[in-house]
Amino acid sequence: MLGRLVTVFLIQTIDSGSTTFTLLVPTVNLPPSKVANITTEGIATLHKFAVVKPPRGQTELCAVDKLDGTARFVEF
């Protein structure tokens, strides 16, 4: 299982495409310390679009970044 995907728009226009960032959130079973190091990936995607002259060929370009961080249990 991949975990969860969380996607947000970084740039969004009506007539010239958009840029999104997707974070792959892994499933984590926390140890008794309630803290664990994690490694995952983020994907920045440029979505090409044009109203007047639609782009030819590939319309999405992706860049993958390795991310390191910490998962921890937090009470609100």
PDB file of N, CA and C in Angstrom:
ATOM      1  N   MET A   1       0.841  -1.188   0.000  1.00  0.00           N
ATOM      2  CA  MET A   1       0.000   0.000   0.000  1.00  0.00           C
ATOM      3  C   MET A   1       0.884   1.249   0.000  1.00  0.00           C
ATOM      4  N   LEU A   2       0.493   2.215  -0.741  1.00  0.00           N
ATOM      5  CA  LEU A   2       1.277   3.432  -0.922  1.00  0.00           C
ATOM      6  C   LEU A   2       1.147   4.399   0.251  1.00  0.00           C
ATOM      7  N   GLY A   3       0.066   4.375   0.989  1.00  0.00           N
ATOM      8  CA  GLY A   3      -0.213   5.362   2.020  1.00  0.00           C
ATOM      9  C   GLY A   3      -1.256   6.322   1.484  1.00  0.00           C
ATOM     10  N   ARG A   4      -1.189   7.539   1.886  1.00  0.00           N
ATOM     11  CA  ARG A   4      -2.140   8.546   1.408  1.00  0.00           C
ATOM     12  C   ARG A   4      -1.423   9.559   0.518  1.00  0.00           C
ATOM     13  N   LEU A   5      -2.161  10.096  -0.420  1.00  0.00           N
ATOM     14  CA  LEU A   5      -1.642  11.144  -1.287  1.00  0.00           C
ATOM     15  C   LEU A   5      -2.359  12.440  -0.937  1.00  0.00           C
ATOM     16  N   VAL A   6      -1.597  13.496  -0.677  1.00  0.00           N
ATOM     17  CA  VAL A   6      -2.169  14.805  -0.386  1.00  0.00           C
ATOM     18  C   VAL A   6      -1.660  15.758  -1.454  1.00  0.00           C
ATOM     19  N   THR A   7      -2.589  16.346  -2.213  1.00  0.00           N
ATOM     20  CA  THR A   7      -2.215  17.236  -3.315  1.00  0.00           C
ATOM     21  C   THR A   7      -2.764  18.634  -3.072  1.00  0.00           C
ATOM     22  N   VAL A   8      -1.921  19.634  -3.302  1.00  0.00           N
ATOM     23  CA  VAL A   8      -2.336  21.032  -3.205  1.00  0.00           C
ATOM     24  C   VAL A   8      -1.923  21.766  -4.472  1.00  0.00           C
ATOM     25  N   PHE A   9      -2.692  22.784  -4.832  1.00  0.00           N
ATOM     26  CA  PHE A   9      -2.333  23.643  -5.960  1.00  0.00           C
ATOM     27  C   PHE A   9      -1.347  24.696  -5.472  1.00  0.00           C
ATOM     28  N   LEU A  10      -0.218  24.827  -6.151  1.00  0.00           N
ATOM     29  CA  LEU A  10       0.728  25.890  -5.858  1.00  0.00           C
ATOM     30  C   LEU A  10       0.426  27.094  -6.736  1.00  0.00           C
ATOM     31  N   ILE A  11       0.081  26.810  -7.986  1.00  0.00           N
ATOM     32  CA  ILE A  11      -0.303  27.847  -8.950  1.00  0.00           C
ATOM     33  C   ILE A  11      -1.492  27.308  -9.726  1.00  0.00           C
ATOM     34  N   GLN A  12      -2.537  28.120  -9.853  1.00  0.00           N
ATOM     35  CA  GLN A  12      -3.696  27.693 -10.628  1.00  0.00           C
ATOM     36  C   GLN A  12      -4.224  28.887 -11.419  1.00  0.00           C
ATOM     37  N   THR A  13      -4.292  28.712 -12.740  1.00  0.00           N
ATOM     38  CA  THR A  13      -4.803  29.778 -13.597  1.00  0.00           C
ATOM     39  C   THR A  13      -5.962  29.247 -14.431  1.00  0.00           C
ATOM     40  N   ILE A  14      -6.726  30.127 -14.984  1.00  0.00           N
ATOM     41  CA  ILE A  14      -7.869  29.743 -15.808  1.00  0.00           C
ATOM     42  C   ILE A  14      -7.431  29.339 -17.209  1.00  0.00           C
ATOM     43  N   ASP A  15      -6.381  29.979 -17.714  1.00  0.00           N
ATOM     44  CA  ASP A  15      -6.056  29.800 -19.134  1.00  0.00           C
ATOM     45  C   ASP A  15      -4.631  29.350 -19.453  1.00  0.00           C
ATOM     46  N   SER A  16      -3.807  29.059 -18.451  1.00  0.00           N
ATOM     47  CA  SER A  16      -2.432  28.675 -18.806  1.00  0.00           C
ATOM     48  C   SER A  16      -1.884  27.505 -17.989  1.00  0.00           C
ATOM     49  N   GLY A  17      -2.728  26.714 -17.395  1.00  0.00           N
ATOM     50  CA  GLY A  17      -2.258  25.536 -16.683  1.00  0.00           C
ATOM     51  C   GLY A  17      -2.103  25.758 -15.195  1.00  0.00           C
ATOM     52  N   SER A  18      -1.446  24.811 -14.548  1.00  0.00           N
ATOM     53  CA  SER A  18      -1.304  24.885 -13.105  1.00  0.00           C
ATOM     54  C   SER A  18      -0.068  24.106 -12.658  1.00  0.00           C
ATOM     55  N   THR A  19       0.263  24.294 -11.381  1.00  0.00           N
ATOM     56  CA  THR A  19       1.336  23.528 -10.758  1.00  0.00           C
ATOM     57  C   THR A  19       0.790  22.960  -9.460  1.00  0.00           C
ATOM     58  N   THR A  20       0.991  21.654  -9.256  1.00  0.00           N
ATOM     59  CA  THR A  20       0.545  21.011  -8.028  1.00  0.00           C
ATOM     60  C   THR A  20       1.729  20.381  -7.315  1.00  0.00           C
ATOM     61  N   PHE A  21       1.553  20.135  -6.012  1.00  0.00           N
ATOM     62  CA  PHE A  21       2.541  19.390  -5.235  1.00  0.00           C
ATOM     63  C   PHE A  21       1.801  18.278  -4.521  1.00  0.00           C
ATOM     64  N   THR A  22       2.284  17.043  -4.692  1.00  0.00           N
ATOM     65  CA  THR A  22       1.669  15.885  -4.058  1.00  0.00           C
ATOM     66  C   THR A  22       2.654  15.280  -3.072  1.00  0.00           C
ATOM     67  N   LEU A  23       2.195  15.101  -1.845  1.00  0.00           N
ATOM     68  CA  LEU A  23       2.991  14.479  -0.803  1.00  0.00           C
ATOM     69  C   LEU A  23       2.501  13.055  -0.596  1.00  0.00           C
ATOM     70  N   LEU A  24       3.411  12.086  -0.632  1.00  0.00           N
ATOM     71  CA  LEU A  24       3.078  10.702  -0.330  1.00  0.00           C
ATOM     72  C   LEU A  24       3.250  10.531   1.171  1.00  0.00           C
ATOM     73  N   VAL A  25       2.146  10.351   1.885  1.00  0.00           N
ATOM     74  CA  VAL A  25       2.172  10.219   3.342  1.00  0.00           C
ATOM     75  C   VAL A  25       2.138   8.734   3.690  1.00  0.00           C
ATOM     76  N   PRO A  26       3.255   8.192   4.186  1.00  0.00           N
ATOM     77  CA  PRO A  26       3.303   6.764   4.472  1.00  0.00           C
ATOM     78  C   PRO A  26       2.540   6.407   5.746  1.00  0.00           C
ATOM     79  N   THR A  27       2.106   5.156   5.822  1.00  0.00           N
ATOM     80  CA  THR A  27       1.517   4.635   7.048  1.00  0.00           C
ATOM     81  C   THR A  27       2.649   4.401   8.037  1.00  0.00           C
ATOM     82  N   VAL A  28       2.455   4.814   9.291  1.00  0.00           N
ATOM     83  CA  VAL A  28       3.504   4.683  10.305  1.00  0.00           C
ATOM     84  C   VAL A  28       2.908   4.054  11.562  1.00  0.00           C
ATOM     85  N   ASN A  29       3.545   3.013  12.073  1.00  0.00           N
ATOM     86  CA  ASN A  29       3.206   2.446  13.376  1.00  0.00           C
ATOM     87  C   ASN A  29       4.225   2.995  14.365  1.00  0.00           C
ATOM     88  N   LEU A  30       3.760   3.900  15.224  1.00  0.00           N
ATOM     89  CA  LEU A  30       4.675   4.552  16.149  1.00  0.00           C
ATOM     90  C   LEU A  30       5.087   3.616  17.285  1.00  0.00           C
ATOM     91  N   PRO A  31       6.360   3.682  17.676  1.00  0.00           N
ATOM     92  CA  PRO A  31       6.842   2.897  18.815  1.00  0.00           C
ATOM     93  C   PRO A  31       6.347   3.536  20.119  1.00  0.00           C
ATOM     94  N   PRO A  32       6.641   2.933  21.268  1.00  0.00           N
ATOM     95  CA  PRO A  32       6.210   3.515  22.550  1.00  0.00           C
ATOM     96  C   PRO A  32       6.661   4.961  22.769  1.00  0.00           C
ATOM     97  N   SER A  33       7.770   5.350  22.167  1.00  0.00           N
ATOM     98  CA  SER A  33       8.250   6.738  22.312  1.00  0.00           C
ATOM     99  C   SER A  33       7.368   7.732  21.559  1.00  0.00           C
ATOM    100  N   LYS A  34       6.481   7.212  20.694  1.00  0.00           N
ATOM    101  CA  LYS A  34       5.544   8.021  19.899  1.00  0.00           C
ATOM    102  C   LYS A  34       6.237   8.941  18.904  1.00  0.00           C
ATOM    103  N   VAL A  35       7.482   8.585  18.506  1.00  0.00           N
ATOM    104  CA  VAL A  35       8.234   9.351  17.513  1.00  0.00           C
ATOM    105  C   VAL A  35       8.942   8.369  16.587  1.00  0.00           C
ATOM    106  N   ALA A  36       8.913   8.637  15.267  1.00  0.00           N
ATOM    107  CA  ALA A  36       9.607   7.775  14.303  1.00  0.00           C
ATOM    108  C   ALA A  36      10.121   8.611  13.144  1.00  0.00           C
ATOM    109  N   ASN A  37      11.319   8.317  12.681  1.00  0.00           N
ATOM    110  CA  ASN A  37      11.854   8.964  11.479  1.00  0.00           C
ATOM    111  C   ASN A  37      11.181   8.349  10.261  1.00  0.00           C
ATOM    112  N   ILE A  38      10.880   9.184   9.277  1.00  0.00           N
ATOM    113  CA  ILE A  38      10.258   8.687   8.049  1.00  0.00           C
ATOM    114  C   ILE A  38      10.971   9.259   6.834  1.00  0.00           C
ATOM    115  N   THR A  39      10.859   8.534   5.735  1.00  0.00           N
ATOM    116  CA  THR A  39      11.352   8.973   4.439  1.00  0.00           C
ATOM    117  C   THR A  39      10.209   8.804   3.457  1.00  0.00           C
ATOM    118  N   THR A  40       9.980   9.802   2.632  1.00  0.00           N
ATOM    119  CA  THR A  40       8.903   9.726   1.655  1.00  0.00           C
ATOM    120  C   THR A  40       9.288  10.554   0.435  1.00  0.00           C
ATOM    121  N   GLU A  41       8.334  10.800  -0.432  1.00  0.00           N
ATOM    122  CA  GLU A  41       8.597  11.590  -1.632  1.00  0.00           C
ATOM    123  C   GLU A  41       7.504  12.619  -1.859  1.00  0.00           C
ATOM    124  N   GLY A  42       7.892  13.695  -2.507  1.00  0.00           N
ATOM    125  CA  GLY A  42       6.964  14.726  -2.939  1.00  0.00           C
ATOM    126  C   GLY A  42       7.104  14.881  -4.441  1.00  0.00           C
ATOM    127  N   ILE A  43       6.007  15.167  -5.104  1.00  0.00           N
ATOM    128  CA  ILE A  43       6.014  15.279  -6.562  1.00  0.00           C
ATOM    129  C   ILE A  43       5.444  16.639  -6.965  1.00  0.00           C
ATOM    130  N   ALA A  44       6.265  17.462  -7.596  1.00  0.00           N
ATOM    131  CA  ALA A  44       5.807  18.732  -8.166  1.00  0.00           C
ATOM    132  C   ALA A  44       5.446  18.453  -9.625  1.00  0.00           C
ATOM    133  N   THR A  45       4.248  18.858 -10.027  1.00  0.00           N
ATOM    134  CA  THR A  45       3.780  18.591 -11.384  1.00  0.00           C
ATOM    135  C   THR A  45       3.330  19.878 -12.060  1.00  0.00           C
ATOM    136  N   LEU A  46       3.886  20.127 -13.237  1.00  0.00           N
ATOM    137  CA  LEU A  46       3.462  21.243 -14.079  1.00  0.00           C
ATOM    138  C   LEU A  46       2.441  20.692 -15.067  1.00  0.00           C
ATOM    139  N   HIS A  47       1.226  21.215 -15.023  1.00  0.00           N
ATOM    140  CA  HIS A  47       0.139  20.788 -15.913  1.00  0.00           C
ATOM    141  C   HIS A  47      -0.003  21.849 -17.006  1.00  0.00           C
ATOM    142  N   LYS A  48       0.446  21.521 -18.216  1.00  0.00           N
ATOM    143  CA  LYS A  48       0.389  22.480 -19.331  1.00  0.00           C
ATOM    144  C   LYS A  48      -1.029  22.564 -19.879  1.00  0.00           C
ATOM    145  N   PHE A  49      -1.446  23.781 -20.206  1.00  0.00           N
ATOM    146  CA  PHE A  49      -2.781  24.004 -20.754  1.00  0.00           C
ATOM    147  C   PHE A  49      -2.792  25.355 -21.447  1.00  0.00           C
ATOM    148  N   ALA A  50      -3.565  25.478 -22.498  1.00  0.00           N
ATOM    149  CA  ALA A  50      -3.756  26.767 -23.170  1.00  0.00           C
ATOM    150  C   ALA A  50      -5.107  26.765 -23.844  1.00  0.00           C
ATOM    151  N   VAL A  51      -5.812  27.871 -23.755  1.00  0.00           N
ATOM    152  CA  VAL A  51      -7.132  27.983 -24.365  1.00  0.00           C
ATOM    153  C   VAL A  51      -7.011  28.155 -25.875  1.00  0.00           C
ATOM    154  N   VAL A  52      -6.131  29.025 -26.322  1.00  0.00           N
ATOM    155  CA  VAL A  52      -6.025  29.353 -27.737  1.00  0.00           C
ATOM    156  C   VAL A  52      -5.319  28.254 -28.533  1.00  0.00           C
ATOM    157  N   LYS A  53      -4.142  27.846 -28.095  1.00  0.00           N
ATOM    158  CA  LYS A  53      -3.369  26.843 -28.814  1.00  0.00           C
ATOM    159  C   LYS A  53      -2.942  25.740 -27.837  1.00  0.00           C
ATOM    160  N   PRO A  54      -3.740  24.668 -27.727  1.00  0.00           N
ATOM    161  CA  PRO A  54      -3.411  23.591 -26.781  1.00  0.00           C
ATOM    162  C   PRO A  54      -2.029  23.011 -27.058  1.00  0.00           C
ATOM    163  N   PRO A  55      -1.287  22.665 -25.990  1.00  0.00           N
ATOM    164  CA  PRO A  55       0.060  22.118 -26.174  1.00  0.00           C
ATOM    165  C   PRO A  55       0.020  20.743 -26.837  1.00  0.00           C
ATOM    166  N   ARG A  56       1.065  20.423 -27.561  1.00  0.00           N
ATOM    167  CA  ARG A  56       1.170  19.105 -28.196  1.00  0.00           C
ATOM    168  C   ARG A  56       2.113  18.244 -27.375  1.00  0.00           C
ATOM    169  N   GLY A  57       1.944  16.947 -27.479  1.00  0.00           N
ATOM    170  CA  GLY A  57       2.831  16.033 -26.769  1.00  0.00           C
ATOM    171  C   GLY A  57       2.484  15.949 -25.297  1.00  0.00           C
ATOM    172  N   GLN A  58       3.479  15.699 -24.504  1.00  0.00           N
ATOM    173  CA  GLN A  58       3.299  15.520 -23.069  1.00  0.00           C
ATOM    174  C   GLN A  58       2.767  16.804 -22.439  1.00  0.00           C
ATOM    175  N   THR A  59       1.728  16.686 -21.631  1.00  0.00           N
ATOM    176  CA  THR A  59       1.123  17.868 -21.020  1.00  0.00           C
ATOM    177  C   THR A  59       1.351  17.952 -19.513  1.00  0.00           C
ATOM    178  N   GLU A  60       2.034  16.976 -18.944  1.00  0.00           N
ATOM    179  CA  GLU A  60       2.371  17.030 -17.523  1.00  0.00           C
ATOM    180  C   GLU A  60       3.852  16.701 -17.336  1.00  0.00           C
ATOM    181  N   LEU A  61       4.550  17.554 -16.602  1.00  0.00           N
ATOM    182  CA  LEU A  61       5.967  17.346 -16.306  1.00  0.00           C
ATOM    183  C   LEU A  61       6.119  17.217 -14.795  1.00  0.00           C
ATOM    184  N   CYS A  62       6.777  16.153 -14.340  1.00  0.00           N
ATOM    185  CA  CYS A  62       6.905  15.882 -12.912  1.00  0.00           C
ATOM    186  C   CYS A  62       8.353  15.944 -12.447  1.00  0.00           C
ATOM    187  N   ALA A  63       8.526  16.415 -11.232  1.00  0.00           N
ATOM    188  CA  ALA A  63       9.834  16.407 -10.561  1.00  0.00           C
ATOM    189  C   ALA A  63       9.613  15.772  -9.194  1.00  0.00           C
ATOM    190  N   VAL A  64      10.377  14.720  -8.900  1.00  0.00           N
ATOM    191  CA  VAL A  64      10.222  13.985  -7.644  1.00  0.00           C
ATOM    192  C   VAL A  64      11.341  14.379  -6.688  1.00  0.00           C
ATOM    193  N   ASP A  65      10.978  14.677  -5.442  1.00  0.00           N
ATOM    194  CA  ASP A  65      11.951  15.048  -4.411  1.00  0.00           C
ATOM    195  C   ASP A  65      11.857  14.082  -3.243  1.00  0.00           C
ATOM    196  N   LYS A  66      13.008  13.609  -2.756  1.00  0.00           N
ATOM    197  CA  LYS A  66      13.052  12.760  -1.571  1.00  0.00           C
ATOM    198  C   LYS A  66      12.927  13.664  -0.348  1.00  0.00           C
ATOM    199  N   LEU A  67      12.088  13.245   0.597  1.00  0.00           N
ATOM    200  CA  LEU A  67      11.850  14.029   1.800  1.00  0.00           C
ATOM    201  C   LEU A  67      12.101  13.172   3.038  1.00  0.00           C
ATOM    202  N   ASP A  68      12.728  13.752   4.038  1.00  0.00           N
ATOM    203  CA  ASP A  68      12.963  13.085   5.318  1.00  0.00           C
ATOM    204  C   ASP A  68      12.302  13.911   6.407  1.00  0.00           C
ATOM    205  N   GLY A  69      11.764  13.221   7.409  1.00  0.00           N
ATOM    206  CA  GLY A  69      11.122  13.953   8.484  1.00  0.00           C
ATOM    207  C   GLY A  69      10.848  13.069   9.679  1.00  0.00           C
ATOM    208  N   THR A  70       9.981  13.566  10.559  1.00  0.00           N
ATOM    209  CA  THR A  70       9.651  12.863  11.780  1.00  0.00           C
ATOM    210  C   THR A  70       8.148  12.758  11.915  1.00  0.00           C
ATOM    211  N   ALA A  71       7.688  11.539  12.224  1.00  0.00           N
ATOM    212  CA  ALA A  71       6.276  11.337  12.567  1.00  0.00           C
ATOM    213  C   ALA A  71       6.200  11.308  14.077  1.00  0.00           C
ATOM    214  N   ARG A  72       5.199  12.011  14.615  1.00  0.00           N
ATOM    215  CA  ARG A  72       5.066  12.003  16.061  1.00  0.00           C
ATOM    216  C   ARG A  72       3.599  12.145  16.439  1.00  0.00           C
ATOM    217  N   PHE A  73       3.242  11.544  17.555  1.00  0.00           N
ATOM    218  CA  PHE A  73       1.878  11.618  18.052  1.00  0.00           C
ATOM    219  C   PHE A  73       1.712  12.960  18.762  1.00  0.00           C
ATOM    220  N   VAL A  74       0.666  13.691  18.393  1.00  0.00           N
ATOM    221  CA  VAL A  74       0.419  15.005  18.970  1.00  0.00           C
ATOM    222  C   VAL A  74      -1.023  15.042  19.471  1.00  0.00           C
ATOM    223  N   GLU A  75      -1.218  15.483  20.702  1.00  0.00           N
ATOM    224  CA  GLU A  75      -2.572  15.657  21.257  1.00  0.00           C
ATOM    225  C   GLU A  75      -2.964  17.115  21.121  1.00  0.00           C
ATOM    226  N   PHE A  76      -4.199  17.348  20.692  1.00  0.00           N
ATOM    227  CA  PHE A  76      -4.707  18.729  20.554  1.00  0.00           C
ATOM    228  C   PHE A  76      -5.617  19.039  21.702  1.00  0.00           C
TER     229      PHE A  76
END
